[in-house]
Amino acid sequence: MAAFEKDIPAAWKALQAHGIYRGSGKPGKVAFLFPGQGSQYVNMLLDLRDTEPVVRDTFDEADKIMIPILGKPLTSFIYTSGSDEEMKQAEQELKNTAITQPAMLTTNVAIFRVLKKYGVEPDMVIGHSLGEYAALVAAGVLTFAEALEVVSARGREMSKIQVQDPGCMAA
């Protein structure tokens, strides 16, 4: 906090090592980039869900929409506090594109809503693959409910595709 209260160049230089920068002049534009499928993990946003009502409300909203489609709450596929075996099973279920797609959309929208709650608004939005749907929600083109239904259908159709060589990605 001392760096914020006093103009000590050495303190600001030390903070840069932690990704904290300060600038001067007119601020630039803010863009939100929403990630796509592959960014999911079991218990994602669990701590934030427990502390931020807007995150909990977003997942509750998704559960209401997804129960008729999935037969159980979306969150039952995302959150577990079970054994190592149950964690592995949850990881496998979360890799199913029919689950992954609504789970990632919900996560993206929850984070967007938290940022908005604290006054961080994007000047522009973009999404990578599945993340494009969260960008459409953030831009006001689709409602969250509409986007959930679309990505759920998209995920179900993608999970039906069977090819002999599914390929892979090199990193």
Protein backbone atom coordinates (compact mmCIF):
# COMPACT_ATOMS: atom_id res chain seq x y z
CA MET A 1 0.00 0.00 0.00
CA ALA A 2 2.94 2.34 0.59
CA ALA A 3 3.61 2.44 -3.15
CA PHE A 4 0.08 3.71 -3.69
CA GLU A 5 0.37 6.33 -0.94
CA LYS A 6 3.87 7.58 -1.79
CA ASP A 7 5.55 8.00 -5.14
CA ILE A 8 8.51 5.67 -4.56
CA PRO A 9 9.93 4.50 -7.92
CA ALA A 10 11.72 1.51 -6.37
CA ALA A 11 8.45 0.26 -4.86
CA TRP A 12 6.68 0.46 -8.22
CA LYS A 13 9.57 -1.39 -9.87
CA ALA A 14 9.26 -4.17 -7.28
CA LEU A 15 5.50 -4.40 -7.88
CA GLN A 16 6.09 -4.83 -11.62
CA ALA A 17 7.64 -8.22 -10.84
CA HIS A 18 4.17 -9.20 -9.57
CA GLY A 19 2.33 -7.86 -12.61
CA ILE A 20 1.25 -4.58 -11.02
CA TYR A 21 1.87 -1.52 -13.16
CA ARG A 22 0.91 2.10 -13.05
CA GLY A 23 0.61 4.44 -15.93
CA SER A 24 -0.18 7.98 -16.70
CA GLY A 25 -2.13 9.70 -19.39
CA LYS A 26 -5.39 8.72 -20.96
CA PRO A 27 -6.35 5.12 -20.20
CA GLY A 28 -6.65 2.72 -23.09
CA LYS A 29 -9.64 0.67 -24.06
CA VAL A 30 -10.60 -2.48 -22.19
CA ALA A 31 -11.18 -5.75 -24.04
CA PHE A 32 -12.46 -8.98 -22.52
CA LEU A 33 -11.29 -12.22 -24.13
CA PHE A 34 -13.41 -15.22 -23.15
CA PRO A 35 -11.68 -18.62 -23.30
CA GLY A 36 -13.17 -21.66 -24.93
CA GLN A 37 -13.36 -25.36 -24.30
CA GLY A 38 -10.23 -26.84 -22.76
CA SER A 39 -10.01 -24.25 -19.99
CA GLN A 40 -12.39 -26.16 -17.72
CA TYR A 41 -11.43 -27.93 -14.51
CA VAL A 42 -13.26 -29.55 -11.61
CA ASN A 43 -14.34 -27.10 -8.89
CA MET A 44 -13.64 -24.05 -11.07
CA LEU A 45 -14.67 -20.81 -9.36
CA LEU A 46 -15.59 -22.71 -6.18
CA ASP A 47 -13.99 -20.14 -3.84
CA LEU A 48 -15.49 -17.24 -5.78
CA ARG A 49 -18.88 -18.97 -5.84
CA ASP A 50 -18.75 -19.20 -2.05
CA THR A 51 -17.85 -15.52 -1.60
CA GLU A 52 -19.52 -13.66 -4.49
CA PRO A 53 -23.33 -13.88 -4.61
CA VAL A 54 -23.38 -12.92 -8.30
CA VAL A 55 -21.28 -16.02 -9.12
CA ARG A 56 -23.53 -18.28 -7.04
CA ASP A 57 -26.62 -16.72 -8.66
CA THR A 58 -25.17 -17.26 -12.14
CA PHE A 59 -24.56 -20.96 -11.46
CA ASP A 60 -28.03 -21.28 -9.88
CA GLU A 61 -29.53 -19.68 -13.00
CA ALA A 62 -27.62 -22.14 -15.19
CA ASP A 63 -28.80 -25.09 -13.08
CA LYS A 64 -32.46 -24.10 -13.57
CA ILE A 65 -31.99 -23.92 -17.33
CA MET A 66 -29.87 -27.07 -17.63
CA ILE A 67 -31.76 -29.52 -15.35
CA PRO A 68 -34.39 -30.28 -18.03
CA ILE A 69 -31.61 -30.76 -20.60
CA LEU A 70 -29.07 -32.72 -18.54
CA GLY A 71 -31.41 -34.43 -16.09
CA LYS A 72 -29.53 -32.96 -13.15
CA PRO A 73 -27.91 -29.64 -12.22
CA LEU A 74 -24.93 -28.47 -14.27
CA THR A 75 -23.09 -27.80 -11.02
CA SER A 76 -23.27 -31.50 -10.13
CA PHE A 77 -20.83 -32.08 -13.00
CA ILE A 78 -18.51 -29.22 -11.99
CA TYR A 79 -18.28 -29.42 -8.19
CA THR A 80 -17.24 -32.33 -6.03
CA SER A 81 -15.56 -32.73 -2.68
CA GLY A 82 -15.24 -36.47 -2.92
CA SER A 83 -12.43 -38.97 -3.03
CA ASP A 84 -9.63 -39.06 -5.59
CA GLU A 85 -11.70 -41.54 -7.61
CA GLU A 86 -14.71 -39.21 -7.59
CA MET A 87 -12.45 -36.32 -8.67
CA LYS A 88 -11.15 -38.39 -11.61
CA GLN A 89 -14.70 -39.30 -12.59
CA ALA A 90 -15.75 -35.64 -12.39
CA GLU A 91 -12.77 -34.67 -14.57
CA GLN A 92 -13.86 -37.23 -17.19
CA GLU A 93 -17.48 -36.03 -17.14
CA LEU A 94 -16.34 -32.43 -17.47
CA LYS A 95 -14.41 -33.37 -20.63
CA ASN A 96 -17.69 -34.38 -22.28
CA THR A 97 -18.39 -31.49 -24.65
CA ALA A 98 -22.11 -31.62 -23.83
CA ILE A 99 -21.15 -30.69 -20.24
CA THR A 100 -18.03 -28.64 -20.93
CA GLN A 101 -19.73 -26.12 -23.18
CA PRO A 102 -22.48 -24.96 -20.78
CA ALA A 103 -20.00 -25.18 -17.88
CA MET A 104 -17.47 -22.88 -19.56
CA LEU A 105 -20.17 -20.47 -20.73
CA THR A 106 -21.50 -20.24 -17.17
CA THR A 107 -18.01 -19.68 -15.79
CA ASN A 108 -17.27 -16.96 -18.37
CA VAL A 109 -20.57 -15.18 -17.71
CA ALA A 110 -20.05 -15.42 -13.93
CA ILE A 111 -16.65 -13.74 -14.18
CA PHE A 112 -18.06 -11.11 -16.54
CA ARG A 113 -20.82 -10.35 -14.04
CA VAL A 114 -18.34 -10.02 -11.15
CA LEU A 115 -16.21 -7.58 -13.13
CA LYS A 116 -19.31 -5.62 -14.10
CA LYS A 117 -20.43 -5.52 -10.46
CA TYR A 118 -17.16 -3.81 -9.58
CA GLY A 119 -17.42 -1.31 -12.43
CA VAL A 120 -15.10 -2.97 -14.95
CA GLU A 121 -16.86 -2.70 -18.31
CA PRO A 122 -15.37 -3.77 -21.62
CA ASP A 123 -15.12 -1.48 -24.61
CA MET A 124 -14.99 -4.58 -26.77
CA VAL A 125 -15.39 -8.33 -26.33
CA ILE A 126 -14.01 -11.34 -28.15
CA GLY A 127 -14.12 -15.06 -27.58
CA HIS A 128 -12.02 -18.00 -28.58
CA SER A 129 -14.27 -20.64 -30.17
CA LEU A 130 -16.86 -21.45 -27.47
CA GLY A 131 -15.88 -18.18 -25.75
CA GLU A 132 -17.59 -16.34 -28.60
CA TYR A 133 -20.94 -17.16 -26.98
CA ALA A 134 -19.91 -15.51 -23.71
CA ALA A 135 -18.79 -12.50 -25.77
CA LEU A 136 -22.26 -12.40 -27.35
CA VAL A 137 -23.83 -12.41 -23.88
CA ALA A 138 -21.45 -9.68 -22.68
CA ALA A 139 -22.30 -7.60 -25.78
CA GLY A 140 -26.03 -8.01 -25.14
CA VAL A 141 -26.64 -9.93 -28.37
CA LEU A 142 -27.84 -13.10 -26.59
CA THR A 143 -29.31 -13.57 -23.15
CA PHE A 144 -27.52 -15.98 -20.86
CA ALA A 145 -30.45 -18.42 -21.14
CA GLU A 146 -30.38 -18.29 -24.94
CA ALA A 147 -26.64 -18.84 -25.02
CA LEU A 148 -26.89 -21.81 -22.62
CA GLU A 149 -29.46 -23.48 -24.83
CA VAL A 150 -27.37 -22.87 -27.96
CA VAL A 151 -24.07 -24.13 -26.51
CA SER A 152 -25.83 -27.09 -24.94
CA ALA A 153 -27.21 -28.11 -28.34
CA ARG A 154 -23.80 -27.40 -29.91
CA GLY A 155 -22.08 -29.60 -27.31
CA ARG A 156 -24.55 -32.45 -27.75
CA GLU A 157 -24.09 -32.42 -31.52
CA MET A 158 -20.30 -32.22 -31.24
CA SER A 159 -20.26 -35.21 -28.87
CA LYS A 160 -22.05 -37.31 -31.51
CA ILE A 161 -19.24 -36.92 -34.03
CA GLN A 162 -17.18 -40.07 -34.35
CA VAL A 163 -14.10 -40.08 -36.55
CA GLN A 164 -11.41 -42.72 -36.86
CA ASP A 165 -8.59 -40.25 -36.18
CA PRO A 166 -9.71 -37.35 -33.99
CA GLY A 167 -6.29 -35.72 -34.28
CA CYS A 168 -4.60 -33.81 -31.51
CA MET A 169 -3.10 -30.47 -30.70
CA ALA A 170 0.58 -29.89 -30.28
CA ALA A 171 1.67 -27.29 -27.79
